[in-house]
Amino acid sequence: MERHYGMDWLRIGAFALLILYHVGMVFVPWGYHVKTAVPEEWVTVPMLLTSPWRLTLLFLVSGYASRALWMKSRKPGRFAANRTWRLIVPLLFGVVVIVPPQTWVELTTQHGYWFNYWVFWAHHYWYFGKIAGIVVPTWNHLWFVGYLWLYTLALALIVLLPGGSWFQRAFDRLFAGTRVLWLPAAYLLITQVVVFQRWSDSHDVINDGIAHLAYFPAFLFGFALAGSEPVMAWIARLWKPAAAIGLAGYVVSVAIDIAYVADPPWVVGRAMLAARYIQCWMTIAALIGFAEKYLNRDHKLRPMLTEAVFPFYMIHQTVIVVAMYWLLKLDLPGFAEFAILVPATALGCWIFYRIGREIPLLRPLIGLRMERRDRPRPTQATETA
């Protein structure tokens, strides 16, 4: 299976946007682990640009990458074992070491908690209950890793079914032409707006069934897309109209959000929700098509950035929360906090990655292979217009 550099770049970009999104959560008037002193309503406008599609895209590109991993393993048991090692070990490390500072900062800054961090970690974090309504211990942003592991195990069972080539041909036919745009959008509208109304996720793997109805199919779509040149070609042809429709959905969402400070009427709220899910799929299709047409080429930085994505994801939210905790003590204006927080987050993530990748025993804890491989030389991918 030939490597698709465009999807590599899309994965790198998707995680970079997620990090910026979580920085934005500090300043928007939505719930988060740490908040600036005066959140600003206008910050919702740029936040709504990515909030409807960022996570669905991450699951899709993860499914796409899983196709190459499956091709290397060729056996469901080996595939599941490899993915379990690469996902569960970092997840457990994250729950024990990376996530606790986030919970401590949230309790300290928002709930009047007065114990120091070490007392919290040693005596309260392992309460296995709730403190001020916050579940401890918890996985916070690492819920994505847990969900990804479950979807990977489900995929390992699915590939055991007979008729794999038939399923791939059915995928190619089902999503041919403009159906690749409107069928997934219709599915999201039916499951997320008409039958259920999902504005957000619970991150509770047992009670998050509506989110699973969106994320698991996206993961499977990515896996099938990796083996479908015809569907990829259609997405590449249709990326411009998809981008236009996605932008229209964003404009509708922003207009309603600005017009209604309080909760909008039922009909208006459903219209906004529908616009969000139309924006979701159309934006994803546009980004995939753009990556196929214009980004399917290698660069000397691509191997390093591809490797760094997962460690960056693991640590970024803790860096944001802890850095903002100290910035709050300086009583700076919001724009100054943002100007410091973005480079501080990037630097903290970079240090975490560089240290972790150089120490063999730390590599599996941050999602890297135990053995360090020499960086591959970039090669030019074959472009498909």
Protein backbone atom coordinates (compact mmCIF):
# COMPACT_ATOMS: atom_id res chain seq x y z
CA MET A 1 0.00 0.00 0.00
CA GLU A 2 1.54 3.28 -1.13
CA ARG A 3 1.86 5.94 1.54
CA HIS A 4 -0.45 8.92 1.06
CA TYR A 5 1.53 11.94 2.18
CA GLY A 6 -1.49 14.19 1.80
CA MET A 7 -3.30 12.27 4.53
CA ASP A 8 -0.17 12.47 6.69
CA TRP A 9 -0.22 16.26 6.34
CA LEU A 10 -3.94 16.31 7.04
CA ARG A 11 -3.41 14.30 10.24
CA ILE A 12 -0.62 16.64 11.33
CA GLY A 13 -2.77 19.68 10.60
CA ALA A 14 -5.82 18.20 12.36
CA PHE A 15 -3.89 17.67 15.59
CA ALA A 16 -2.31 21.12 15.35
CA LEU A 17 -5.79 22.65 15.04
CA LEU A 18 -6.95 20.60 18.02
CA ILE A 19 -4.15 22.05 20.14
CA LEU A 20 -5.09 25.59 19.09
CA TYR A 21 -8.72 24.77 19.81
CA HIS A 22 -7.88 23.76 23.35
CA VAL A 23 -5.92 26.98 23.81
CA GLY A 24 -9.06 28.78 22.65
CA MET A 25 -11.11 26.93 25.27
CA VAL A 26 -9.32 28.98 27.92
CA PHE A 27 -10.79 32.20 26.53
CA VAL A 28 -14.26 31.20 25.31
CA PRO A 29 -17.26 31.23 27.72
CA TRP A 30 -17.57 27.44 27.68
CA GLY A 31 -16.60 25.00 30.41
CA TYR A 32 -12.93 24.05 30.60
CA HIS A 33 -10.32 22.99 33.16
CA VAL A 34 -8.88 26.49 33.50
CA LYS A 35 -10.32 29.82 32.38
CA THR A 36 -9.07 33.31 31.81
CA ALA A 37 -10.45 35.88 34.26
CA VAL A 38 -12.77 37.42 31.64
CA PRO A 39 -13.83 35.03 28.83
CA GLU A 40 -14.90 36.78 25.62
CA GLU A 41 -18.10 35.99 23.68
CA TRP A 42 -16.52 36.86 20.33
CA VAL A 43 -14.07 33.97 20.67
CA THR A 44 -16.97 31.63 19.89
CA VAL A 45 -16.82 32.79 16.25
CA PRO A 46 -13.40 31.26 15.42
CA MET A 47 -14.09 28.31 17.72
CA LEU A 48 -17.22 27.39 15.74
CA LEU A 49 -15.06 27.15 12.62
CA THR A 50 -13.52 23.84 13.77
CA SER A 51 -15.67 22.54 16.64
CA PRO A 52 -18.22 20.64 14.47
CA TRP A 53 -15.67 18.55 12.54
CA ARG A 54 -12.31 18.39 14.34
CA LEU A 55 -12.93 15.12 16.22
CA THR A 56 -14.75 13.34 13.41
CA LEU A 57 -11.80 14.17 11.15
CA LEU A 58 -9.35 12.76 13.70
CA PHE A 59 -11.20 9.45 13.82
CA LEU A 60 -11.39 9.32 10.02
CA VAL A 61 -7.67 9.90 9.50
CA SER A 62 -6.96 7.38 12.28
CA GLY A 63 -9.03 4.83 10.40
CA TYR A 64 -7.14 5.68 7.22
CA ALA A 65 -3.81 5.13 8.97
CA SER A 66 -5.10 1.85 10.43
CA ARG A 67 -5.36 0.42 6.92
CA ALA A 68 -1.57 0.58 6.48
CA LEU A 69 -1.05 -0.91 9.95
CA TRP A 70 -3.45 -3.72 9.11
CA MET A 71 -1.63 -4.41 5.83
CA LYS A 72 1.61 -4.82 7.78
CA SER A 73 0.09 -7.17 10.36
CA ARG A 74 -2.25 -9.21 8.13
CA LYS A 75 -3.49 -11.12 11.16
CA PRO A 76 -6.31 -9.70 13.32
CA GLY A 77 -4.73 -10.95 16.54
CA ARG A 78 -1.36 -9.41 15.78
CA PHE A 79 -3.02 -6.19 14.61
CA ALA A 80 -5.08 -5.92 17.81
CA ALA A 81 -2.08 -6.74 20.01
CA ASN A 82 0.14 -4.16 18.32
CA ARG A 83 -2.50 -1.43 18.58
CA THR A 84 -3.24 -2.34 22.19
CA TRP A 85 0.43 -1.92 23.10
CA ARG A 86 0.71 1.38 21.24
CA LEU A 87 -2.52 2.83 22.67
CA ILE A 88 -3.23 1.35 26.10
CA VAL A 89 0.28 1.82 27.51
CA PRO A 90 0.27 5.59 26.77
CA LEU A 91 -3.34 5.83 27.97
CA LEU A 92 -2.50 4.30 31.35
CA PHE A 93 0.61 6.48 31.62
CA GLY A 94 -1.53 9.48 30.80
CA VAL A 95 -4.15 8.71 33.44
CA VAL A 96 -1.48 8.21 36.12
CA VAL A 97 1.00 10.97 35.24
CA ILE A 98 -0.18 13.41 32.55
CA VAL A 99 -3.84 14.09 33.37
CA PRO A 100 -3.78 14.61 37.20
CA PRO A 101 -2.33 18.17 37.03
CA GLN A 102 -5.32 19.19 34.91
CA THR A 103 -7.77 18.01 37.55
CA TRP A 104 -5.80 19.65 40.36
CA VAL A 105 -5.73 23.00 38.54
CA GLU A 106 -9.47 22.79 37.84
CA LEU A 107 -10.27 22.03 41.47
CA THR A 108 -7.91 24.74 42.72
CA THR A 109 -9.04 27.54 40.40
CA GLN A 110 -12.75 26.76 40.16
CA HIS A 111 -13.79 24.82 43.27
CA GLY A 112 -11.74 26.22 46.16
CA TYR A 113 -9.56 23.14 46.61
CA TRP A 114 -6.63 24.02 48.92
CA PHE A 115 -4.40 20.94 49.13
CA ASN A 116 -1.11 20.97 47.22
CA TYR A 117 -0.64 18.82 44.14
CA TRP A 118 1.26 15.99 45.82
CA VAL A 119 -1.37 15.56 48.52
CA PHE A 120 -4.02 15.59 45.80
CA TRP A 121 -2.27 12.95 43.70
CA ALA A 122 -1.38 10.66 46.60
CA HIS A 123 -4.64 10.84 48.57
CA HIS A 124 -7.51 12.31 46.55
CA TYR A 125 -6.95 11.54 42.87
CA TRP A 126 -7.40 7.81 43.49
CA TYR A 127 -10.71 8.31 45.27
CA PHE A 128 -12.60 6.57 42.42
CA GLY A 129 -15.56 8.85 42.76
CA LYS A 130 -16.24 12.56 42.40
CA ILE A 131 -14.68 15.61 44.00
CA ALA A 132 -16.76 18.76 43.50
CA GLY A 133 -18.52 16.97 40.66
CA ILE A 134 -15.26 16.02 38.90
CA VAL A 135 -14.62 12.32 38.33
CA VAL A 136 -11.30 11.00 39.69
CA PRO A 137 -9.24 9.37 38.39
CA THR A 138 -10.03 10.41 34.84
CA TRP A 139 -8.69 10.45 31.29
CA ASN A 140 -9.82 13.96 30.24
CA HIS A 141 -8.60 14.60 26.66
CA LEU A 142 -7.18 11.08 26.42
CA TRP A 143 -10.71 9.75 25.96
CA PHE A 144 -9.89 9.88 22.25
CA VAL A 145 -7.18 7.25 22.76
CA GLY A 146 -9.57 4.98 24.65
CA TYR A 147 -12.25 5.27 21.98
CA LEU A 148 -9.67 4.70 19.24
CA TRP A 149 -8.52 1.51 20.95
CA LEU A 150 -12.08 0.18 21.17
CA TYR A 151 -12.74 1.00 17.52
CA THR A 152 -9.50 -0.75 16.59
CA LEU A 153 -10.57 -3.91 18.44
CA ALA A 154 -13.95 -3.76 16.69
CA LEU A 155 -12.16 -3.39 13.36
CA ALA A 156 -10.02 -6.44 14.13
CA LEU A 157 -13.25 -8.43 14.52
CA ILE A 158 -14.83 -6.96 11.39
CA VAL A 159 -11.90 -7.94 9.18
CA LEU A 160 -12.48 -11.55 10.24
CA LEU A 161 -15.79 -11.53 8.36
CA PRO A 162 -15.78 -13.23 4.96
CA GLY A 163 -16.14 -11.16 1.81
CA GLY A 164 -13.71 -8.37 2.55
CA SER A 165 -13.21 -7.60 -1.13
CA TRP A 166 -16.98 -7.48 -1.60
CA PHE A 167 -17.30 -4.89 1.17
CA GLN A 168 -14.60 -2.78 -0.46
CA ARG A 169 -16.35 -2.94 -3.84
CA ALA A 170 -19.65 -2.06 -2.17
CA PHE A 171 -17.98 0.95 -0.54
CA ASP A 172 -16.63 2.06 -3.93
CA ARG A 173 -20.10 1.86 -5.49
CA LEU A 174 -22.02 3.32 -2.57
CA PHE A 175 -19.91 6.47 -2.32
CA ALA A 176 -19.36 7.08 -6.03
CA GLY A 177 -20.11 10.53 -7.44
CA THR A 178 -21.88 13.13 -5.34
CA ARG A 179 -23.08 10.41 -2.97
CA VAL A 180 -19.73 10.73 -1.20
CA LEU A 181 -20.94 14.17 -0.10
CA TRP A 182 -24.61 13.79 0.62
CA LEU A 183 -24.83 10.22 1.97
CA PRO A 184 -22.52 10.76 4.99
CA ALA A 185 -24.12 14.17 5.58
CA ALA A 186 -27.59 12.59 5.51
CA TYR A 187 -26.46 9.89 7.92
CA LEU A 188 -25.18 12.50 10.38
CA LEU A 189 -28.37 14.54 10.08
CA ILE A 190 -30.53 11.48 10.78
CA THR A 191 -28.51 10.09 13.69
CA GLN A 192 -27.28 13.31 15.31
CA VAL A 193 -30.14 15.75 14.64
CA VAL A 194 -33.40 13.94 13.83
CA VAL A 195 -33.32 10.77 15.95
CA PHE A 196 -30.95 12.14 18.60
CA GLN A 197 -29.76 15.67 19.25
CA ARG A 198 -26.03 15.67 20.00
CA TRP A 199 -24.44 18.99 20.84
CA SER A 200 -21.46 17.52 22.68
CA ASP A 201 -19.94 14.26 23.90
CA SER A 202 -19.96 12.79 27.40
CA HIS A 203 -16.56 11.05 27.00
CA ASP A 204 -18.12 8.24 29.04
CA VAL A 205 -17.45 5.25 26.83
CA ILE A 206 -20.46 3.33 28.17
CA ASN A 207 -22.99 6.17 27.95
CA ASP A 208 -21.74 7.95 24.83
CA GLY A 209 -23.64 5.90 22.28
CA ILE A 210 -24.75 8.83 20.12
CA ALA A 211 -21.14 9.94 19.70
CA HIS A 212 -20.15 6.38 18.79
CA LEU A 213 -22.77 6.56 16.01
CA ALA A 214 -20.72 9.37 14.48
CA TYR A 215 -17.13 8.50 15.34
CA PHE A 216 -17.03 4.76 14.65
CA PRO A 217 -18.51 5.05 11.13
CA ALA A 218 -16.00 7.85 10.44
CA PHE A 219 -13.20 5.52 11.55
CA LEU A 220 -14.50 2.75 9.28
CA PHE A 221 -14.95 5.20 6.40
CA GLY A 222 -11.30 6.20 6.73
CA PHE A 223 -10.22 2.55 6.74
CA ALA A 224 -12.22 1.82 3.58
CA LEU A 225 -11.15 5.07 1.90
CA ALA A 226 -7.51 4.02 2.23
CA GLY A 227 -8.28 1.14 -0.13
CA SER A 228 -10.48 3.06 -2.56
CA GLU A 229 -8.87 5.04 -5.36
CA PRO A 230 -12.28 5.71 -7.03
CA VAL A 231 -13.85 7.30 -3.95
CA MET A 232 -10.71 9.33 -3.25
CA ALA A 233 -10.80 10.57 -6.84
CA TRP A 234 -14.42 11.66 -6.44
CA ILE A 235 -13.61 13.54 -3.23
CA ALA A 236 -10.73 15.28 -5.01
CA ARG A 237 -13.09 16.33 -7.82
CA LEU A 238 -15.76 17.62 -5.43
CA TRP A 239 -13.64 19.38 -2.80
CA LYS A 240 -14.55 22.90 -3.95
CA PRO A 241 -18.36 22.53 -3.77
CA ALA A 242 -17.90 20.66 -0.49
CA ALA A 243 -15.88 23.58 0.88
CA ALA A 244 -18.55 26.05 -0.24
CA ILE A 245 -21.34 24.08 1.45
CA GLY A 246 -19.26 23.64 4.59
CA LEU A 247 -18.60 27.37 4.72
CA ALA A 248 -22.32 28.05 4.33
CA GLY A 249 -23.03 25.76 7.29
CA TYR A 250 -20.47 27.66 9.35
CA VAL A 251 -22.05 31.01 8.45
CA VAL A 252 -25.49 29.77 9.51
CA SER A 253 -24.12 28.49 12.84
CA VAL A 254 -22.32 31.74 13.59
CA ALA A 255 -25.33 33.86 12.61
CA ILE A 256 -27.61 31.94 14.96
CA ASP A 257 -25.03 31.99 17.75
CA ILE A 258 -24.68 35.77 17.46
CA ALA A 259 -28.42 36.38 17.17
CA TYR A 260 -29.35 34.35 20.24
CA VAL A 261 -27.28 34.98 23.35
CA ALA A 262 -29.60 32.72 25.34
CA ASP A 263 -30.89 29.37 24.11
CA PRO A 264 -32.64 29.81 20.73
CA PRO A 265 -36.17 28.54 20.02
CA TRP A 266 -36.48 24.81 19.31
CA VAL A 267 -36.72 25.17 15.53
CA VAL A 268 -33.79 27.59 15.37
CA GLY A 269 -31.72 25.33 17.60
CA ARG A 270 -32.37 22.36 15.33
CA ALA A 271 -31.46 24.47 12.30
CA MET A 272 -28.15 25.36 13.94
CA LEU A 273 -27.50 21.73 14.82
CA ALA A 274 -28.24 20.66 11.24
CA ALA A 275 -25.93 23.37 9.92
CA ARG A 276 -23.16 22.11 12.21
CA TYR A 277 -23.36 18.54 10.90
CA ILE A 278 -23.56 19.67 7.29
CA GLN A 279 -20.49 21.80 7.98
CA CYS A 280 -18.88 18.78 9.64
CA TRP A 281 -18.96 16.40 6.70
CA MET A 282 -18.56 18.93 3.92
CA THR A 283 -15.49 20.44 5.56
CA ILE A 284 -13.95 17.01 6.09
CA ALA A 285 -14.57 16.07 2.45
CA ALA A 286 -13.09 19.38 1.30
CA LEU A 287 -9.96 18.89 3.40
CA ILE A 288 -9.45 15.32 2.16
CA GLY A 289 -9.92 16.43 -1.44
CA PHE A 290 -7.50 19.31 -0.99
CA ALA A 291 -4.94 16.97 0.59
CA GLU A 292 -5.32 14.53 -2.31
CA LYS A 293 -4.84 17.17 -4.99
CA TYR A 294 -2.22 19.45 -3.47
CA LEU A 295 -0.51 17.89 -0.45
CA ASN A 296 0.41 14.39 -1.63
CA ARG A 297 4.15 15.00 -1.59
CA ASP A 298 6.87 14.38 0.97
CA HIS A 299 9.08 16.84 2.83
CA LYS A 300 12.09 16.39 5.08
CA LEU A 301 10.05 17.46 8.13
CA ARG A 302 7.15 15.11 7.46
CA PRO A 303 8.59 11.96 9.16
CA MET A 304 9.46 13.85 12.33
CA LEU A 305 6.12 15.67 12.47
CA THR A 306 4.24 12.43 11.86
CA GLU A 307 6.07 10.81 14.76
CA ALA A 308 5.59 13.85 17.02
CA VAL A 309 1.81 14.08 16.58
CA PHE A 310 0.85 11.53 19.23
CA PRO A 311 3.26 12.73 21.96
CA PHE A 312 2.14 16.31 21.27
CA TYR A 313 -1.47 15.23 21.65
CA MET A 314 -0.76 13.42 24.91
CA ILE A 315 0.87 16.36 26.68
CA HIS A 316 -0.64 19.46 25.08
CA GLN A 317 -3.65 19.92 27.35
CA THR A 318 -1.61 19.53 30.53
CA VAL A 319 0.86 22.14 29.25
CA ILE A 320 -2.03 24.50 28.45
CA VAL A 321 -3.71 24.07 31.82
CA VAL A 322 -0.56 24.31 33.94
CA ALA A 323 0.86 27.25 31.97
CA MET A 324 -2.43 29.11 32.26
CA TYR A 325 -2.53 28.39 36.00
CA TRP A 326 0.69 30.36 36.41
CA LEU A 327 -0.34 33.06 33.94
CA LEU A 328 -3.45 33.76 36.02
CA LYS A 329 -1.19 34.88 38.85
CA LEU A 330 0.23 37.64 36.63
CA ASP A 331 -3.18 39.25 36.02
CA LEU A 332 -2.42 39.91 32.35
CA PRO A 333 -4.97 40.98 29.72
CA GLY A 334 -6.45 38.19 27.64
CA PHE A 335 -4.54 38.97 24.45
CA ALA A 336 -1.23 38.83 26.37
CA GLU A 337 -2.19 35.50 27.94
CA PHE A 338 -2.98 34.10 24.49
CA ALA A 339 0.26 35.45 23.01
CA ILE A 340 2.24 33.68 25.74
CA LEU A 341 0.14 30.52 25.96
CA VAL A 342 0.45 29.49 22.30
CA PRO A 343 4.28 29.43 22.11
CA ALA A 344 4.52 28.07 25.66
CA THR A 345 2.30 25.15 24.67
CA ALA A 346 4.30 24.48 21.50
CA LEU A 347 7.57 24.60 23.45
CA GLY A 348 6.30 22.35 26.23
CA CYS A 349 5.05 19.78 23.72
CA TRP A 350 8.35 19.89 21.84
CA ILE A 351 10.42 19.35 25.00
CA PHE A 352 8.19 16.44 26.05
CA TYR A 353 8.56 14.81 22.63
CA ARG A 354 12.30 15.35 22.30
CA ILE A 355 13.07 13.96 25.75
CA GLY A 356 10.69 11.02 25.41
CA ARG A 357 11.95 9.94 21.99
CA GLU A 358 15.60 9.82 23.16
CA ILE A 359 15.01 7.56 26.18
CA PRO A 360 14.12 3.98 25.15
CA LEU A 361 12.08 3.21 28.27
CA LEU A 362 9.98 6.35 27.80
CA ARG A 363 9.22 5.81 24.12
CA PRO A 364 6.30 3.36 24.57
CA LEU A 365 4.86 5.57 27.31
CA ILE A 366 4.40 8.41 24.81
CA GLY A 367 3.13 6.22 21.99
CA LEU A 368 6.38 5.59 20.10
CA ARG A 369 8.03 2.32 19.11
CA MET A 370 10.43 0.88 21.65
CA GLU A 371 13.23 0.86 19.11
CA ARG A 372 14.27 4.13 17.52
CA ARG A 373 14.54 4.05 13.74
CA ASP A 374 16.61 6.34 11.57
CA ARG A 375 14.52 9.03 9.97
CA PRO A 376 13.48 7.84 6.49
CA ARG A 377 14.51 9.98 3.57
CA PRO A 378 11.55 11.78 2.04
CA THR A 379 10.41 10.56 -1.35
CA GLN A 380 7.99 12.03 -3.84
CA ALA A 381 4.58 10.40 -3.79
CA THR A 382 2.78 9.70 -7.00
CA GLU A 383 0.13 12.37 -7.39
CA THR A 384 -3.39 11.46 -8.38
CA ALA A 385 -5.41 14.42 -9.54
